[in-house]
Amino acid sequence: MPKKFISIQDASEISNKSIQTIRRAIKSKKLGSRKQRTPQGFNYMVEKESLCTLYRIKLKEDAPKVEASAPKATAIPHKEVKNKDGEYITTDDFRQFTKVLDKMVNQHTDERQNFLRLVNTLQDKIFVLENQMNLLREPQKRWYQVWK
């Protein structure tokens, strides 16, 4: 049976644990994982089977398949809220919205860090240029004024 790997984010959603908890489990070798190369470095990919055994999770894929003749189980109803336009907002819509918001916040922090790095390198270059300008100004004394 081939091993199936999922991202740390997906593993945290499946197990209802934080991303940091999943990372700690990988570090302590409680979860099977592998590194996947990316242009920025690498990402950890979690082995789905070891995640299920560690947190005692039973996935829909792992559940035994029910024959078509058996009656279907009713799904748990989602809580719905009516907005001012009369449209229903489900919990799934809200979860999806929070995921998008989290992605936007993470992207903003990354862009902010990149901007701060750019400002720091610009400041360093300005300091270097100022020092070079000061060195060029100093030889304005005449050669015979050295002894005065």
C-alpha atoms as a PDB file:
ATOM      1  CA  MET A   1       0.000   0.000   0.000  1.00  0.00           C
ATOM      2  CA  PRO A   2       1.596   3.319  -1.025  1.00  0.00           C
ATOM      3  CA  LYS A   3       2.062   5.900   1.692  1.00  0.00           C
ATOM      4  CA  LYS A   4      -0.092   9.001   1.349  1.00  0.00           C
ATOM      5  CA  PHE A   5       1.396  12.286   2.492  1.00  0.00           C
ATOM      6  CA  ILE A   6      -0.447  15.497   3.337  1.00  0.00           C
ATOM      7  CA  SER A   7       0.708  18.977   4.257  1.00  0.00           C
ATOM      8  CA  ILE A   8       1.047  20.116   7.865  1.00  0.00           C
ATOM      9  CA  GLN A   9      -1.904  22.472   7.402  1.00  0.00           C
ATOM     10  CA  ASP A  10      -4.131  19.642   6.178  1.00  0.00           C
ATOM     11  CA  ALA A  11      -2.948  17.432   9.033  1.00  0.00           C
ATOM     12  CA  SER A  12      -3.844  20.100  11.572  1.00  0.00           C
ATOM     13  CA  GLU A  13      -7.322  20.472  10.052  1.00  0.00           C
ATOM     14  CA  ILE A  14      -7.937  16.722  10.028  1.00  0.00           C
ATOM     15  CA  SER A  15      -6.753  16.205  13.604  1.00  0.00           C
ATOM     16  CA  ASN A  16      -8.127  19.478  15.015  1.00  0.00           C
ATOM     17  CA  LYS A  17      -4.672  20.215  16.428  1.00  0.00           C
ATOM     18  CA  SER A  18      -2.609  23.332  15.895  1.00  0.00           C
ATOM     19  CA  ILE A  19       0.098  23.476  13.245  1.00  0.00           C
ATOM     20  CA  GLN A  20       2.685  23.880  16.000  1.00  0.00           C
ATOM     21  CA  THR A  21       1.476  20.670  17.688  1.00  0.00           C
ATOM     22  CA  ILE A  22       1.897  18.791  14.407  1.00  0.00           C
ATOM     23  CA  ARG A  23       5.406  20.231  14.004  1.00  0.00           C
ATOM     24  CA  ARG A  24       6.316  19.136  17.545  1.00  0.00           C
ATOM     25  CA  ALA A  25       5.025  15.625  16.821  1.00  0.00           C
ATOM     26  CA  ILE A  26       7.186  15.492  13.681  1.00  0.00           C
ATOM     27  CA  LYS A  27      10.223  16.722  15.598  1.00  0.00           C
ATOM     28  CA  SER A  28       9.731  14.110  18.330  1.00  0.00           C
ATOM     29  CA  LYS A  29       9.338  11.429  15.608  1.00  0.00           C
ATOM     30  CA  LYS A  30       5.788  10.545  16.696  1.00  0.00           C
ATOM     31  CA  LEU A  31       4.546  11.279  13.178  1.00  0.00           C
ATOM     32  CA  GLY A  32       5.989   9.859   9.994  1.00  0.00           C
ATOM     33  CA  SER A  33       7.032  12.594   7.612  1.00  0.00           C
ATOM     34  CA  ARG A  34       9.262  13.521   4.720  1.00  0.00           C
ATOM     35  CA  LYS A  35      10.720  16.749   3.414  1.00  0.00           C
ATOM     36  CA  GLN A  36       9.480  18.169   0.142  1.00  0.00           C
ATOM     37  CA  ARG A  37      11.808  20.600  -1.612  1.00  0.00           C
ATOM     38  CA  THR A  38      10.541  24.069  -2.521  1.00  0.00           C
ATOM     39  CA  PRO A  39      12.334  27.090  -4.002  1.00  0.00           C
ATOM     40  CA  GLN A  40      12.428  28.702  -0.530  1.00  0.00           C
ATOM     41  CA  GLY A  41      13.746  25.587   1.263  1.00  0.00           C
ATOM     42  CA  PHE A  42      11.533  22.648   2.142  1.00  0.00           C
ATOM     43  CA  ASN A  43       8.130  21.722   3.615  1.00  0.00           C
ATOM     44  CA  TYR A  44       7.299  18.752   5.773  1.00  0.00           C
ATOM     45  CA  MET A  45       4.718  16.327   4.449  1.00  0.00           C
ATOM     46  CA  VAL A  46       2.953  14.213   7.088  1.00  0.00           C
ATOM     47  CA  GLU A  47       2.170  10.546   6.574  1.00  0.00           C
ATOM     48  CA  LYS A  48      -1.615  10.225   6.705  1.00  0.00           C
ATOM     49  CA  GLU A  49      -1.598   6.761   8.265  1.00  0.00           C
ATOM     50  CA  SER A  50       0.655   7.735  11.177  1.00  0.00           C
ATOM     51  CA  LEU A  51      -1.501  10.827  11.816  1.00  0.00           C
ATOM     52  CA  CYS A  52      -4.599   8.641  12.059  1.00  0.00           C
ATOM     53  CA  THR A  53      -2.953   6.191  14.441  1.00  0.00           C
ATOM     54  CA  LEU A  54      -1.403   8.875  16.668  1.00  0.00           C
ATOM     55  CA  TYR A  55      -4.604  10.869  17.154  1.00  0.00           C
ATOM     56  CA  ARG A  56      -6.995   7.892  16.715  1.00  0.00           C
ATOM     57  CA  ILE A  57      -8.760   9.385  13.732  1.00  0.00           C
ATOM     58  CA  LYS A  58     -10.996   7.404  11.423  1.00  0.00           C
ATOM     59  CA  LEU A  59     -11.203   8.992   8.000  1.00  0.00           C
ATOM     60  CA  LYS A  60     -14.049   8.547   5.557  1.00  0.00           C
ATOM     61  CA  GLU A  61     -11.635   6.822   3.173  1.00  0.00           C
ATOM     62  CA  ASP A  62     -10.719   4.282   5.874  1.00  0.00           C
ATOM     63  CA  ALA A  63     -14.319   3.493   6.780  1.00  0.00           C
ATOM     64  CA  PRO A  64     -15.791   0.329   5.283  1.00  0.00           C
ATOM     65  CA  LYS A  65     -17.799   0.992   2.139  1.00  0.00           C
ATOM     66  CA  VAL A  66     -21.555   0.609   2.428  1.00  0.00           C
ATOM     67  CA  GLU A  67     -23.467  -1.087  -0.354  1.00  0.00           C
ATOM     68  CA  ALA A  68     -25.752   1.013  -2.493  1.00  0.00           C
ATOM     69  CA  SER A  69     -28.854  -0.875  -1.296  1.00  0.00           C
ATOM     70  CA  ALA A  70     -28.309   0.178   2.316  1.00  0.00           C
ATOM     71  CA  PRO A  71     -30.147   3.334   3.380  1.00  0.00           C
ATOM     72  CA  LYS A  72     -27.998   6.440   3.492  1.00  0.00           C
ATOM     73  CA  ALA A  73     -27.278   7.965   6.868  1.00  0.00           C
ATOM     74  CA  THR A  74     -28.557  11.489   7.261  1.00  0.00           C
ATOM     75  CA  ALA A  75     -25.891  14.125   7.433  1.00  0.00           C
ATOM     76  CA  ILE A  76     -25.544  16.323  10.465  1.00  0.00           C
ATOM     77  CA  PRO A  77     -27.313  19.572   9.638  1.00  0.00           C
ATOM     78  CA  HIS A  78     -25.101  22.614   9.408  1.00  0.00           C
ATOM     79  CA  LYS A  79     -25.998  25.616  11.463  1.00  0.00           C
ATOM     80  CA  GLU A  80     -27.250  28.360   9.197  1.00  0.00           C
ATOM     81  CA  VAL A  81     -27.539  32.065   9.885  1.00  0.00           C
ATOM     82  CA  LYS A  82     -29.592  34.463   7.816  1.00  0.00           C
ATOM     83  CA  ASN A  83     -27.869  37.710   6.847  1.00  0.00           C
ATOM     84  CA  LYS A  84     -29.601  41.043   6.192  1.00  0.00           C
ATOM     85  CA  ASP A  85     -30.101  40.181   2.490  1.00  0.00           C
ATOM     86  CA  GLY A  86     -32.034  37.049   3.391  1.00  0.00           C
ATOM     87  CA  GLU A  87     -29.243  34.671   2.284  1.00  0.00           C
ATOM     88  CA  TYR A  88     -28.119  31.783   4.455  1.00  0.00           C
ATOM     89  CA  ILE A  89     -24.534  31.571   5.673  1.00  0.00           C
ATOM     90  CA  THR A  90     -23.434  28.103   6.737  1.00  0.00           C
ATOM     91  CA  THR A  91     -20.616  27.121   9.065  1.00  0.00           C
ATOM     92  CA  ASP A  92     -18.711  25.800   6.045  1.00  0.00           C
ATOM     93  CA  ASP A  93     -18.931  29.246   4.448  1.00  0.00           C
ATOM     94  CA  PHE A  94     -17.620  30.771   7.654  1.00  0.00           C
ATOM     95  CA  ARG A  95     -14.737  28.260   7.862  1.00  0.00           C
ATOM     96  CA  GLN A  96     -13.811  28.969   4.274  1.00  0.00           C
ATOM     97  CA  PHE A  97     -13.930  32.702   4.978  1.00  0.00           C
ATOM     98  CA  THR A  98     -11.654  32.329   8.010  1.00  0.00           C
ATOM     99  CA  LYS A  99      -9.176  30.288   5.954  1.00  0.00           C
ATOM    100  CA  VAL A 100      -9.062  33.015   3.316  1.00  0.00           C
ATOM    101  CA  LEU A 101      -8.613  35.621   6.037  1.00  0.00           C
ATOM    102  CA  ASP A 102      -5.768  33.627   7.608  1.00  0.00           C
ATOM    103  CA  LYS A 103      -4.046  33.356   4.244  1.00  0.00           C
ATOM    104  CA  MET A 104      -4.380  37.100   3.711  1.00  0.00           C
ATOM    105  CA  VAL A 105      -2.968  37.869   7.162  1.00  0.00           C
ATOM    106  CA  ASN A 106      -0.028  35.507   6.579  1.00  0.00           C
ATOM    107  CA  GLN A 107       0.623  37.068   3.187  1.00  0.00           C
ATOM    108  CA  HIS A 108       0.513  40.533   4.748  1.00  0.00           C
ATOM    109  CA  THR A 109       3.047  39.592   7.438  1.00  0.00           C
ATOM    110  CA  ASP A 110       5.350  38.094   4.792  1.00  0.00           C
ATOM    111  CA  GLU A 111       5.114  41.223   2.674  1.00  0.00           C
ATOM    112  CA  ARG A 112       5.723  43.389   5.735  1.00  0.00           C
ATOM    113  CA  GLN A 113       8.851  41.411   6.631  1.00  0.00           C
ATOM    114  CA  ASN A 114      10.106  41.692   3.050  1.00  0.00           C
ATOM    115  CA  PHE A 115       9.487  45.439   3.123  1.00  0.00           C
ATOM    116  CA  LEU A 116      11.359  45.819   6.423  1.00  0.00           C
ATOM    117  CA  ARG A 117      14.288  43.825   5.008  1.00  0.00           C
ATOM    118  CA  LEU A 118      14.331  46.098   1.975  1.00  0.00           C
ATOM    119  CA  VAL A 119      14.317  49.211   4.187  1.00  0.00           C
ATOM    120  CA  ASN A 120      17.197  47.824   6.277  1.00  0.00           C
ATOM    121  CA  THR A 121      19.326  47.095   3.210  1.00  0.00           C
ATOM    122  CA  LEU A 122      18.552  50.568   1.869  1.00  0.00           C
ATOM    123  CA  GLN A 123      19.665  52.121   5.173  1.00  0.00           C
ATOM    124  CA  ASP A 124      22.880  50.117   5.093  1.00  0.00           C
ATOM    125  CA  LYS A 125      23.639  51.285   1.569  1.00  0.00           C
ATOM    126  CA  ILE A 126      22.970  54.899   2.557  1.00  0.00           C
ATOM    127  CA  PHE A 127      25.405  54.574   5.495  1.00  0.00           C
ATOM    128  CA  VAL A 128      28.063  53.177   3.178  1.00  0.00           C
ATOM    129  CA  LEU A 129      27.557  56.031   0.709  1.00  0.00           C
ATOM    130  CA  GLU A 130      27.751  58.625   3.499  1.00  0.00           C
ATOM    131  CA  ASN A 131      31.018  57.123   4.721  1.00  0.00           C
ATOM    132  CA  GLN A 132      32.456  57.157   1.212  1.00  0.00           C
ATOM    133  CA  MET A 133      31.411  60.797   0.741  1.00  0.00           C
ATOM    134  CA  ASN A 134      33.068  61.730   4.056  1.00  0.00           C
ATOM    135  CA  LEU A 135      36.264  59.991   2.977  1.00  0.00           C
ATOM    136  CA  LEU A 136      36.261  61.920  -0.294  1.00  0.00           C
ATOM    137  CA  ARG A 137      35.788  65.275   1.487  1.00  0.00           C
ATOM    138  CA  GLU A 138      38.686  64.830   3.924  1.00  0.00           C
ATOM    139  CA  PRO A 139      41.617  65.418   1.551  1.00  0.00           C
ATOM    140  CA  GLN A 140      40.647  69.109   1.185  1.00  0.00           C
ATOM    141  CA  LYS A 141      43.649  70.074   3.339  1.00  0.00           C
ATOM    142  CA  ARG A 142      46.836  71.052   1.561  1.00  0.00           C
ATOM    143  CA  TRP A 143      49.744  68.651   1.817  1.00  0.00           C
ATOM    144  CA  TYR A 144      51.844  71.124   3.782  1.00  0.00           C
ATOM    145  CA  GLN A 145      49.054  71.699   6.347  1.00  0.00           C
ATOM    146  CA  VAL A 146      49.704  68.256   7.758  1.00  0.00           C
ATOM    147  CA  TRP A 147      52.529  69.681   9.923  1.00  0.00           C
ATOM    148  CA  LYS A 148      50.535  72.589  11.274  1.00  0.00           C
END
